[in-house]
Amino acid sequence: MTYSFHPLAEKELNDAIDYYNECQDGLGIEFAKEVYNAIQIILQFPQAWSSLSKNTRRCITNRFPYGVIYQVKKDEIIIIAVMLLTKKPNYWHDKIECL
């Protein structure tokens, strides 16, 4: 199984990496590793995480207050959002209308 990022999800990830690097040198790299570890687990067990809607799920990272919102398509995981958990919970809904 492969994965891809919705363009706005990729921007969210990069913005969060930049933010954490500004907070502490190297922390952005740690955040990126955490997100990519979550994605690897999602690829292994795509149905294991909390269901948000019929085709959408969320995997929460361990060290950071972020969730990886994704959809499972035939042989691909589409990352819809890399969501700060304190953000408005359903802001990402508009992204899935175009998928």
PDB file of N, CA and C in Angstrom:
ATOM      1  N   MET A   1       0.848  -1.173   0.000  1.00  0.00           N
ATOM      2  CA  MET A   1       0.000   0.000   0.000  1.00  0.00           C
ATOM      3  C   MET A   1       0.894   1.236   0.000  1.00  0.00           C
ATOM      4  N   THR A   2       0.457   2.266  -0.713  1.00  0.00           N
ATOM      5  CA  THR A   2       1.198   3.523  -0.781  1.00  0.00           C
ATOM      6  C   THR A   2       0.384   4.614  -0.088  1.00  0.00           C
ATOM      7  N   TYR A   3       0.986   5.797   0.015  1.00  0.00           N
ATOM      8  CA  TYR A   3       0.254   6.929   0.576  1.00  0.00           C
ATOM      9  C   TYR A   3       0.614   8.187  -0.188  1.00  0.00           C
ATOM     10  N   SER A   4      -0.285   9.167  -0.083  1.00  0.00           N
ATOM     11  CA  SER A   4      -0.034  10.480  -0.659  1.00  0.00           C
ATOM     12  C   SER A   4      -0.674  11.523   0.245  1.00  0.00           C
ATOM     13  N   PHE A   5      -0.194  12.743   0.111  1.00  0.00           N
ATOM     14  CA  PHE A   5      -0.715  13.854   0.896  1.00  0.00           C
ATOM     15  C   PHE A   5      -1.625  14.716   0.039  1.00  0.00           C
ATOM     16  N   HIS A   6      -2.762  15.115   0.587  1.00  0.00           N
ATOM     17  CA  HIS A   6      -3.523  16.219   0.013  1.00  0.00           C
ATOM     18  C   HIS A   6      -2.587  17.423   0.111  1.00  0.00           C
ATOM     19  N   PRO A   7      -2.550  18.306  -0.892  1.00  0.00           N
ATOM     20  CA  PRO A   7      -1.604  19.430  -0.850  1.00  0.00           C
ATOM     21  C   PRO A   7      -1.698  20.273   0.424  1.00  0.00           C
ATOM     22  N   LEU A   8      -2.896  20.489   0.938  1.00  0.00           N
ATOM     23  CA  LEU A   8      -3.028  21.282   2.161  1.00  0.00           C
ATOM     24  C   LEU A   8      -2.514  20.522   3.385  1.00  0.00           C
ATOM     25  N   ALA A   9      -2.626  19.210   3.374  1.00  0.00           N
ATOM     26  CA  ALA A   9      -2.080  18.409   4.474  1.00  0.00           C
ATOM     27  C   ALA A   9      -0.557  18.487   4.481  1.00  0.00           C
ATOM     28  N   GLU A  10       0.026  18.465   3.302  1.00  0.00           N
ATOM     29  CA  GLU A  10       1.484  18.587   3.208  1.00  0.00           C
ATOM     30  C   GLU A  10       1.941  19.953   3.719  1.00  0.00           C
ATOM     31  N   LYS A  11       1.168  20.993   3.399  1.00  0.00           N
ATOM     32  CA  LYS A  11       1.487  22.332   3.903  1.00  0.00           C
ATOM     33  C   LYS A  11       1.365  22.377   5.424  1.00  0.00           C
ATOM     34  N   GLU A  12       0.320  21.756   5.970  1.00  0.00           N
ATOM     35  CA  GLU A  12       0.164  21.710   7.428  1.00  0.00           C
ATOM     36  C   GLU A  12       1.360  21.035   8.081  1.00  0.00           C
ATOM     37  N   LEU A  13       1.796  19.941   7.502  1.00  0.00           N
ATOM     38  CA  LEU A  13       2.951  19.222   8.040  1.00  0.00           C
ATOM     39  C   LEU A  13       4.188  20.109   8.012  1.00  0.00           C
ATOM     40  N   ASN A  14       4.453  20.728   6.880  1.00  0.00           N
ATOM     41  CA  ASN A  14       5.640  21.581   6.756  1.00  0.00           C
ATOM     42  C   ASN A  14       5.574  22.787   7.686  1.00  0.00           C
ATOM     43  N   ASP A  15       4.382  23.390   7.826  1.00  0.00           N
ATOM     44  CA  ASP A  15       4.221  24.523   8.741  1.00  0.00           C
ATOM     45  C   ASP A  15       4.491  24.104  10.185  1.00  0.00           C
ATOM     46  N   ALA A  16       4.001  22.929  10.568  1.00  0.00           N
ATOM     47  CA  ALA A  16       4.213  22.443  11.934  1.00  0.00           C
ATOM     48  C   ALA A  16       5.690  22.130  12.173  1.00  0.00           C
ATOM     49  N   ILE A  17       6.357  21.551  11.175  1.00  0.00           N
ATOM     50  CA  ILE A  17       7.798  21.283  11.291  1.00  0.00           C
ATOM     51  C   ILE A  17       8.544  22.593  11.513  1.00  0.00           C
ATOM     52  N   ASP A  18       8.221  23.612  10.718  1.00  0.00           N
ATOM     53  CA  ASP A  18       8.864  24.924  10.872  1.00  0.00           C
ATOM     54  C   ASP A  18       8.602  25.505  12.261  1.00  0.00           C
ATOM     55  N   TYR A  19       7.356  25.406  12.713  1.00  0.00           N
ATOM     56  CA  TYR A  19       6.996  25.933  14.036  1.00  0.00           C
ATOM     57  C   TYR A  19       7.826  25.261  15.132  1.00  0.00           C
ATOM     58  N   TYR A  20       7.882  23.940  15.111  1.00  0.00           N
ATOM     59  CA  TYR A  20       8.625  23.229  16.157  1.00  0.00           C
ATOM     60  C   TYR A  20      10.124  23.497  16.069  1.00  0.00           C
ATOM     61  N   ASN A  21      10.656  23.684  14.864  1.00  0.00           N
ATOM     62  CA  ASN A  21      12.075  24.032  14.736  1.00  0.00           C
ATOM     63  C   ASN A  21      12.362  25.417  15.299  1.00  0.00           C
ATOM     64  N   GLU A  22      11.378  26.331  15.189  1.00  0.00           N
ATOM     65  CA  GLU A  22      11.547  27.658  15.781  1.00  0.00           C
ATOM     66  C   GLU A  22      11.512  27.583  17.304  1.00  0.00           C
ATOM     67  N   CYS A  23      10.711  26.665  17.830  1.00  0.00           N
ATOM     68  CA  CYS A  23      10.621  26.500  19.291  1.00  0.00           C
ATOM     69  C   CYS A  23      11.917  25.944  19.863  1.00  0.00           C
ATOM     70  N   GLN A  24      12.465  24.965  19.175  1.00  0.00           N
ATOM     71  CA  GLN A  24      13.697  24.311  19.648  1.00  0.00           C
ATOM     72  C   GLN A  24      14.373  23.653  18.454  1.00  0.00           C
ATOM     73  N   ASP A  25      15.653  23.904  18.317  1.00  0.00           N
ATOM     74  CA  ASP A  25      16.402  23.335  17.200  1.00  0.00           C
ATOM     75  C   ASP A  25      16.279  21.808  17.199  1.00  0.00           C
ATOM     76  N   GLY A  26      15.856  21.255  16.077  1.00  0.00           N
ATOM     77  CA  GLY A  26      15.734  19.809  15.939  1.00  0.00           C
ATOM     78  C   GLY A  26      14.376  19.240  16.322  1.00  0.00           C
ATOM     79  N   LEU A  27      13.546  20.033  16.999  1.00  0.00           N
ATOM     80  CA  LEU A  27      12.243  19.529  17.422  1.00  0.00           C
ATOM     81  C   LEU A  27      11.328  19.282  16.223  1.00  0.00           C
ATOM     82  N   GLY A  28      11.484  20.078  15.177  1.00  0.00           N
ATOM     83  CA  GLY A  28      10.699  19.860  13.960  1.00  0.00           C
ATOM     84  C   GLY A  28      11.004  18.512  13.327  1.00  0.00           C
ATOM     85  N   ILE A  29      12.263  18.114  13.365  1.00  0.00           N
ATOM     86  CA  ILE A  29      12.652  16.802  12.838  1.00  0.00           C
ATOM     87  C   ILE A  29      12.010  15.696  13.672  1.00  0.00           C
ATOM     88  N   GLU A  30      11.997  15.875  14.989  1.00  0.00           N
ATOM     89  CA  GLU A  30      11.351  14.889  15.866  1.00  0.00           C
ATOM     90  C   GLU A  30       9.858  14.794  15.559  1.00  0.00           C
ATOM     91  N   PHE A  31       9.235  15.944  15.321  1.00  0.00           N
ATOM     92  CA  PHE A  31       7.815  15.952  14.967  1.00  0.00           C
ATOM     93  C   PHE A  31       7.585  15.209  13.653  1.00  0.00           C
ATOM     94  N   ALA A  32       8.408  15.506  12.649  1.00  0.00           N
ATOM     95  CA  ALA A  32       8.272  14.841  11.344  1.00  0.00           C
ATOM     96  C   ALA A  32       8.418  13.331  11.491  1.00  0.00           C
ATOM     97  N   LYS A  33       9.389  12.893  12.282  1.00  0.00           N
ATOM     98  CA  LYS A  33       9.576  11.454  12.513  1.00  0.00           C
ATOM     99  C   LYS A  33       8.326  10.848  13.137  1.00  0.00           C
ATOM    100  N   GLU A  34       7.745  11.557  14.082  1.00  0.00           N
ATOM    101  CA  GLU A  34       6.538  11.073  14.757  1.00  0.00           C
ATOM    102  C   GLU A  34       5.381  10.913  13.766  1.00  0.00           C
ATOM    103  N   VAL A  35       5.208  11.896  12.892  1.00  0.00           N
ATOM    104  CA  VAL A  35       4.132  11.822  11.892  1.00  0.00           C
ATOM    105  C   VAL A  35       4.400  10.674  10.927  1.00  0.00           C
ATOM    106  N   TYR A  36       5.619  10.552  10.444  1.00  0.00           N
ATOM    107  CA  TYR A  36       5.925   9.472   9.499  1.00  0.00           C
ATOM    108  C   TYR A  36       5.850   8.094  10.163  1.00  0.00           C
ATOM    109  N   ASN A  37       6.156   8.006  11.445  1.00  0.00           N
ATOM    110  CA  ASN A  37       5.947   6.740  12.163  1.00  0.00           C
ATOM    111  C   ASN A  37       4.464   6.396  12.217  1.00  0.00           C
ATOM    112  N   ALA A  38       3.636   7.406  12.478  1.00  0.00           N
ATOM    113  CA  ALA A  38       2.183   7.184  12.494  1.00  0.00           C
ATOM    114  C   ALA A  38       1.706   6.711  11.122  1.00  0.00           C
ATOM    115  N   ILE A  39       2.239   7.301  10.064  1.00  0.00           N
ATOM    116  CA  ILE A  39       1.841   6.898   8.708  1.00  0.00           C
ATOM    117  C   ILE A  39       2.248   5.454   8.437  1.00  0.00           C
ATOM    118  N   GLN A  40       3.425   5.054   8.886  1.00  0.00           N
ATOM    119  CA  GLN A  40       3.851   3.664   8.683  1.00  0.00           C
ATOM    120  C   GLN A  40       2.920   2.686   9.399  1.00  0.00           C
ATOM    121  N   ILE A  41       2.482   3.054  10.585  1.00  0.00           N
ATOM    122  CA  ILE A  41       1.538   2.203  11.314  1.00  0.00           C
ATOM    123  C   ILE A  41       0.188   2.182  10.604  1.00  0.00           C
ATOM    124  N   ILE A  42      -0.245   3.329  10.097  1.00  0.00           N
ATOM    125  CA  ILE A  42      -1.499   3.393   9.335  1.00  0.00           C
ATOM    126  C   ILE A  42      -1.422   2.466   8.127  1.00  0.00           C
ATOM    127  N   LEU A  43      -0.288   2.482   7.431  1.00  0.00           N
ATOM    128  CA  LEU A  43      -0.130   1.623   6.252  1.00  0.00           C
ATOM    129  C   LEU A  43      -0.242   0.144   6.616  1.00  0.00           C
ATOM    130  N   GLN A  44       0.248  -0.226   7.781  1.00  0.00           N
ATOM    131  CA  GLN A  44       0.178  -1.625   8.219  1.00  0.00           C
ATOM    132  C   GLN A  44      -1.219  -2.011   8.693  1.00  0.00           C
ATOM    133  N   PHE A  45      -1.890  -1.076   9.369  1.00  0.00           N
ATOM    134  CA  PHE A  45      -3.194  -1.360   9.978  1.00  0.00           C
ATOM    135  C   PHE A  45      -4.178  -0.230   9.666  1.00  0.00           C
ATOM    136  N   PRO A  46      -4.573  -0.070   8.414  1.00  0.00           N
ATOM    137  CA  PRO A  46      -5.379   1.095   8.030  1.00  0.00           C
ATOM    138  C   PRO A  46      -6.747   1.190   8.702  1.00  0.00           C
ATOM    139  N   GLN A  47      -7.310   0.078   9.114  1.00  0.00           N
ATOM    140  CA  GLN A  47      -8.647   0.105   9.724  1.00  0.00           C
ATOM    141  C   GLN A  47      -8.606   0.182  11.251  1.00  0.00           C
ATOM    142  N   ALA A  48      -7.428   0.278  11.828  1.00  0.00           N
ATOM    143  CA  ALA A  48      -7.295   0.176  13.284  1.00  0.00           C
ATOM    144  C   ALA A  48      -7.622   1.459  14.041  1.00  0.00           C
ATOM    145  N   TRP A  49      -7.707   2.579  13.371  1.00  0.00           N
ATOM    146  CA  TRP A  49      -7.809   3.858  14.073  1.00  0.00           C
ATOM    147  C   TRP A  49      -9.237   4.371  14.100  1.00  0.00           C
ATOM    148  N   SER A  50      -9.464   5.369  14.914  1.00  0.00           N
ATOM    149  CA  SER A  50     -10.802   5.926  15.128  1.00  0.00           C
ATOM    150  C   SER A  50     -11.444   6.367  13.827  1.00  0.00           C
ATOM    151  N   SER A  51     -12.684   5.949  13.641  1.00  0.00           N
ATOM    152  CA  SER A  51     -13.446   6.335  12.459  1.00  0.00           C
ATOM    153  C   SER A  51     -14.097   7.693  12.708  1.00  0.00           C
ATOM    154  N   LEU A  52     -13.916   8.612  11.756  1.00  0.00           N
ATOM    155  CA  LEU A  52     -14.528   9.934  11.853  1.00  0.00           C
ATOM    156  C   LEU A  52     -15.749  10.051  10.954  1.00  0.00           C
ATOM    157  N   SER A  53     -15.760   9.266   9.897  1.00  0.00           N
ATOM    158  CA  SER A  53     -16.893   9.181   8.976  1.00  0.00           C
ATOM    159  C   SER A  53     -16.751   7.852   8.245  1.00  0.00           C
ATOM    160  N   LYS A  54     -17.589   7.626   7.265  1.00  0.00           N
ATOM    161  CA  LYS A  54     -17.594   6.332   6.580  1.00  0.00           C
ATOM    162  C   LYS A  54     -16.210   5.915   6.077  1.00  0.00           C
ATOM    163  N   ASN A  55     -15.487   6.821   5.447  1.00  0.00           N
ATOM    164  CA  ASN A  55     -14.198   6.481   4.838  1.00  0.00           C
ATOM    165  C   ASN A  55     -13.009   7.198   5.465  1.00  0.00           C
ATOM    166  N   THR A  56     -13.231   7.926   6.533  1.00  0.00           N
ATOM    167  CA  THR A  56     -12.181   8.773   7.095  1.00  0.00           C
ATOM    168  C   THR A  56     -11.850   8.337   8.516  1.00  0.00           C
ATOM    169  N   ARG A  57     -10.548   8.298   8.804  1.00  0.00           N
ATOM    170  CA  ARG A  57     -10.073   7.860  10.122  1.00  0.00           C
ATOM    171  C   ARG A  57      -9.012   8.827  10.647  1.00  0.00           C
ATOM    172  N   ARG A  58      -8.724   8.690  11.940  1.00  0.00           N
ATOM    173  CA  ARG A  58      -7.715   9.544  12.570  1.00  0.00           C
ATOM    174  C   ARG A  58      -6.800   8.709  13.442  1.00  0.00           C
ATOM    175  N   CYS A  59      -5.504   8.916  13.245  1.00  0.00           N
ATOM    176  CA  CYS A  59      -4.469   8.309  14.084  1.00  0.00           C
ATOM    177  C   CYS A  59      -3.782   9.443  14.847  1.00  0.00           C
ATOM    178  N   ILE A  60      -3.738   9.333  16.159  1.00  0.00           N
ATOM    179  CA  ILE A  60      -3.132  10.374  16.987  1.00  0.00           C
ATOM    180  C   ILE A  60      -1.661  10.041  17.213  1.00  0.00           C
ATOM    181  N   THR A  61      -0.810  11.063  17.085  1.00  0.00           N
ATOM    182  CA  THR A  61       0.617  10.864  17.325  1.00  0.00           C
ATOM    183  C   THR A  61       0.866  10.700  18.827  1.00  0.00           C
ATOM    184  N   ASN A  62       1.992  10.120  19.168  1.00  0.00           N
ATOM    185  CA  ASN A  62       2.301   9.853  20.575  1.00  0.00           C
ATOM    186  C   ASN A  62       2.832  11.069  21.323  1.00  0.00           C
ATOM    187  N   ARG A  63       3.805  11.756  20.755  1.00  0.00           N
ATOM    188  CA  ARG A  63       4.508  12.819  21.490  1.00  0.00           C
ATOM    189  C   ARG A  63       3.941  14.206  21.292  1.00  0.00           C
ATOM    190  N   PHE A  64       3.198  14.417  20.228  1.00  0.00           N
ATOM    191  CA  PHE A  64       2.741  15.753  19.872  1.00  0.00           C
ATOM    192  C   PHE A  64       1.216  15.762  19.780  1.00  0.00           C
ATOM    193  N   PRO A  65       0.589  16.920  20.014  1.00  0.00           N
ATOM    194  CA  PRO A  65      -0.878  16.980  19.999  1.00  0.00           C
ATOM    195  C   PRO A  65      -1.445  17.087  18.579  1.00  0.00           C
ATOM    196  N   TYR A  66      -1.128  16.099  17.760  1.00  0.00           N
ATOM    197  CA  TYR A  66      -1.553  16.091  16.358  1.00  0.00           C
ATOM    198  C   TYR A  66      -2.203  14.769  16.011  1.00  0.00           C
ATOM    199  N   GLY A  67      -3.119  14.848  15.064  1.00  0.00           N
ATOM    200  CA  GLY A  67      -3.727  13.656  14.502  1.00  0.00           C
ATOM    201  C   GLY A  67      -3.497  13.625  13.004  1.00  0.00           C
ATOM    202  N   VAL A  68      -3.317  12.443  12.469  1.00  0.00           N
ATOM    203  CA  VAL A  68      -3.200  12.256  11.023  1.00  0.00           C
ATOM    204  C   VAL A  68      -4.574  11.789  10.549  1.00  0.00           C
ATOM    205  N   ILE A  69      -5.242  12.643   9.771  1.00  0.00           N
ATOM    206  CA  ILE A  69      -6.563  12.336   9.229  1.00  0.00           C
ATOM    207  C   ILE A  69      -6.340  11.734   7.846  1.00  0.00           C
ATOM    208  N   TYR A  70      -6.963  10.589   7.583  1.00  0.00           N
ATOM    209  CA  TYR A  70      -6.699   9.910   6.313  1.00  0.00           C
ATOM    210  C   TYR A  70      -7.920   9.158   5.818  1.00  0.00           C
ATOM    211  N   GLN A  71      -7.874   8.849   4.528  1.00  0.00           N
ATOM    212  CA  GLN A  71      -8.878   7.999   3.902  1.00  0.00           C
ATOM    213  C   GLN A  71      -8.178   6.816   3.261  1.00  0.00           C
ATOM    214  N   VAL A  72      -8.865   5.686   3.291  1.00  0.00           N
ATOM    215  CA  VAL A  72      -8.345   4.475   2.665  1.00  0.00           C
ATOM    216  C   VAL A  72      -9.031   4.322   1.319  1.00  0.00           C
ATOM    217  N   LYS A  73      -8.256   4.388   0.261  1.00  0.00           N
ATOM    218  CA  LYS A  73      -8.743   4.096  -1.084  1.00  0.00           C
ATOM    219  C   LYS A  73      -8.194   2.720  -1.448  1.00  0.00           C
ATOM    220  N   LYS A  74      -8.515   2.175  -2.574  1.00  0.00           N
ATOM    221  CA  LYS A  74      -8.157   0.789  -2.927  1.00  0.00           C
ATOM    222  C   LYS A  74      -6.791   0.367  -2.406  1.00  0.00           C
ATOM    223  N   ASP A  75      -5.729   0.876  -2.983  1.00  0.00           N
ATOM    224  CA  ASP A  75      -4.373   0.507  -2.573  1.00  0.00           C
ATOM    225  C   ASP A  75      -3.579   1.717  -2.108  1.00  0.00           C
ATOM    226  N   GLU A  76      -4.278   2.731  -1.616  1.00  0.00           N
ATOM    227  CA  GLU A  76      -3.603   3.968  -1.246  1.00  0.00           C
ATOM    228  C   GLU A  76      -4.258   4.583  -0.018  1.00  0.00           C
ATOM    229  N   ILE A  77      -3.431   5.163   0.813  1.00  0.00           N
ATOM    230  CA  ILE A  77      -3.883   5.980   1.932  1.00  0.00           C
ATOM    231  C   ILE A  77      -3.696   7.429   1.500  1.00  0.00           C
ATOM    232  N   ILE A  78      -4.744   8.221   1.627  1.00  0.00           N
ATOM    233  CA  ILE A  78      -4.645   9.644   1.311  1.00  0.00           C
ATOM    234  C   ILE A  78      -4.685  10.409   2.628  1.00  0.00           C
ATOM    235  N   ILE A  79      -3.608  11.132   2.904  1.00  0.00           N
ATOM    236  CA  ILE A  79      -3.527  11.945   4.115  1.00  0.00           C
ATOM    237  C   ILE A  79      -4.292  13.234   3.835  1.00  0.00           C
ATOM    238  N   ILE A  80      -5.390  13.423   4.553  1.00  0.00           N
ATOM    239  CA  ILE A  80      -6.271  14.573   4.355  1.00  0.00           C
ATOM    240  C   ILE A  80      -5.793  15.770   5.163  1.00  0.00           C
ATOM    241  N   ALA A  81      -5.296  15.517   6.361  1.00  0.00           N
ATOM    242  CA  ALA A  81      -4.866  16.606   7.239  1.00  0.00           C
ATOM    243  C   ALA A  81      -3.847  16.087   8.245  1.00  0.00           C
ATOM    244  N   VAL A  82      -2.958  16.975   8.642  1.00  0.00           N
ATOM    245  CA  VAL A  82      -2.083  16.757   9.789  1.00  0.00           C
ATOM    246  C   VAL A  82      -2.552  17.812  10.783  1.00  0.00           C
ATOM    247  N   MET A  83      -3.466  17.390  11.656  1.00  0.00           N
ATOM    248  CA  MET A  83      -4.305  18.302  12.418  1.00  0.00           C
ATOM    249  C   MET A  83      -3.819  18.511  13.845  1.00  0.00           C
ATOM    250  N   LEU A  84      -3.651  19.774  14.190  1.00  0.00           N
ATOM    251  CA  LEU A  84      -3.437  20.135  15.582  1.00  0.00           C
ATOM    252  C   LEU A  84      -4.736  19.827  16.319  1.00  0.00           C
ATOM    253  N   LEU A  85      -4.681  19.004  17.340  1.00  0.00           N
ATOM    254  CA  LEU A  85      -5.897  18.508  17.985  1.00  0.00           C
ATOM    255  C   LEU A  85      -6.688  19.583  18.712  1.00  0.00           C
ATOM    256  N   THR A  86      -6.079  20.733  18.971  1.00  0.00           N
ATOM    257  CA  THR A  86      -6.811  21.821  19.611  1.00  0.00           C
ATOM    258  C   THR A  86      -7.527  22.702  18.599  1.00  0.00           C
ATOM    259  N   LYS A  87      -7.347  22.422  17.317  1.00  0.00           N
ATOM    260  CA  LYS A  87      -7.984  23.182  16.249  1.00  0.00           C
ATOM    261  C   LYS A  87      -9.443  22.748  16.115  1.00  0.00           C
ATOM    262  N   LYS A  88     -10.251  23.590  15.480  1.00  0.00           N
ATOM    263  CA  LYS A  88     -11.652  23.250  15.228  1.00  0.00           C
ATOM    264  C   LYS A  88     -11.709  21.845  14.628  1.00  0.00           C
ATOM    265  N   PRO A  89     -12.399  20.907  15.258  1.00  0.00           N
ATOM    266  CA  PRO A  89     -12.278  19.489  14.906  1.00  0.00           C
ATOM    267  C   PRO A  89     -12.633  19.105  13.474  1.00  0.00           C
ATOM    268  N   ASN A  90     -13.558  19.763  12.855  1.00  0.00           N
ATOM    269  CA  ASN A  90     -14.008  19.326  11.528  1.00  0.00           C
ATOM    270  C   ASN A  90     -13.583  20.258  10.401  1.00  0.00           C
ATOM    271  N   TYR A  91     -12.544  21.059  10.616  1.00  0.00           N
ATOM    272  CA  TYR A  91     -12.124  22.012   9.590  1.00  0.00           C
ATOM    273  C   TYR A  91     -11.718  21.328   8.285  1.00  0.00           C
ATOM    274  N   TRP A  92     -11.318  20.081   8.345  1.00  0.00           N
ATOM    275  CA  TRP A  92     -10.793  19.346   7.188  1.00  0.00           C
ATOM    276  C   TRP A  92     -11.894  18.778   6.299  1.00  0.00           C
ATOM    277  N   HIS A  93     -13.160  18.864   6.704  1.00  0.00           N
ATOM    278  CA  HIS A  93     -14.250  18.263   5.918  1.00  0.00           C
ATOM    279  C   HIS A  93     -14.293  18.758   4.478  1.00  0.00           C
ATOM    280  N   ASP A  94     -14.020  20.037   4.258  1.00  0.00           N
ATOM    281  CA  ASP A  94     -14.060  20.579   2.894  1.00  0.00           C
ATOM    282  C   ASP A  94     -13.040  19.913   1.984  1.00  0.00           C
ATOM    283  N   LYS A  95     -11.948  19.433   2.533  1.00  0.00           N
ATOM    284  CA  LYS A  95     -10.908  18.802   1.716  1.00  0.00           C
ATOM    285  C   LYS A  95     -11.387  17.496   1.092  1.00  0.00           C
ATOM    286  N   ILE A  96     -12.250  16.754   1.772  1.00  0.00           N
ATOM    287  CA  ILE A  96     -12.631  15.439   1.266  1.00  0.00           C
ATOM    288  C   ILE A  96     -13.697  15.512   0.186  1.00  0.00           C
ATOM    289  N   GLU A  97     -14.357  16.653   0.034  1.00  0.00           N
ATOM    290  CA  GLU A  97     -15.373  16.773  -1.007  1.00  0.00           C
ATOM    291  C   GLU A  97     -14.774  16.649  -2.399  1.00  0.00           C
ATOM    292  N   CYS A  98     -13.505  17.021  -2.548  1.00  0.00           N
ATOM    293  CA  CYS A  98     -12.888  16.988  -3.878  1.00  0.00           C
ATOM    294  C   CYS A  98     -12.191  15.664  -4.166  1.00  0.00           C
ATOM    295  N   LEU A  99     -12.218  14.703  -3.243  1.00  0.00           N
ATOM    296  CA  LEU A  99     -11.537  13.419  -3.469  1.00  0.00           C
ATOM    297  C   LEU A  99     -12.453  12.410  -4.108  1.00  0.00           C
TER     298      LEU A  99
END
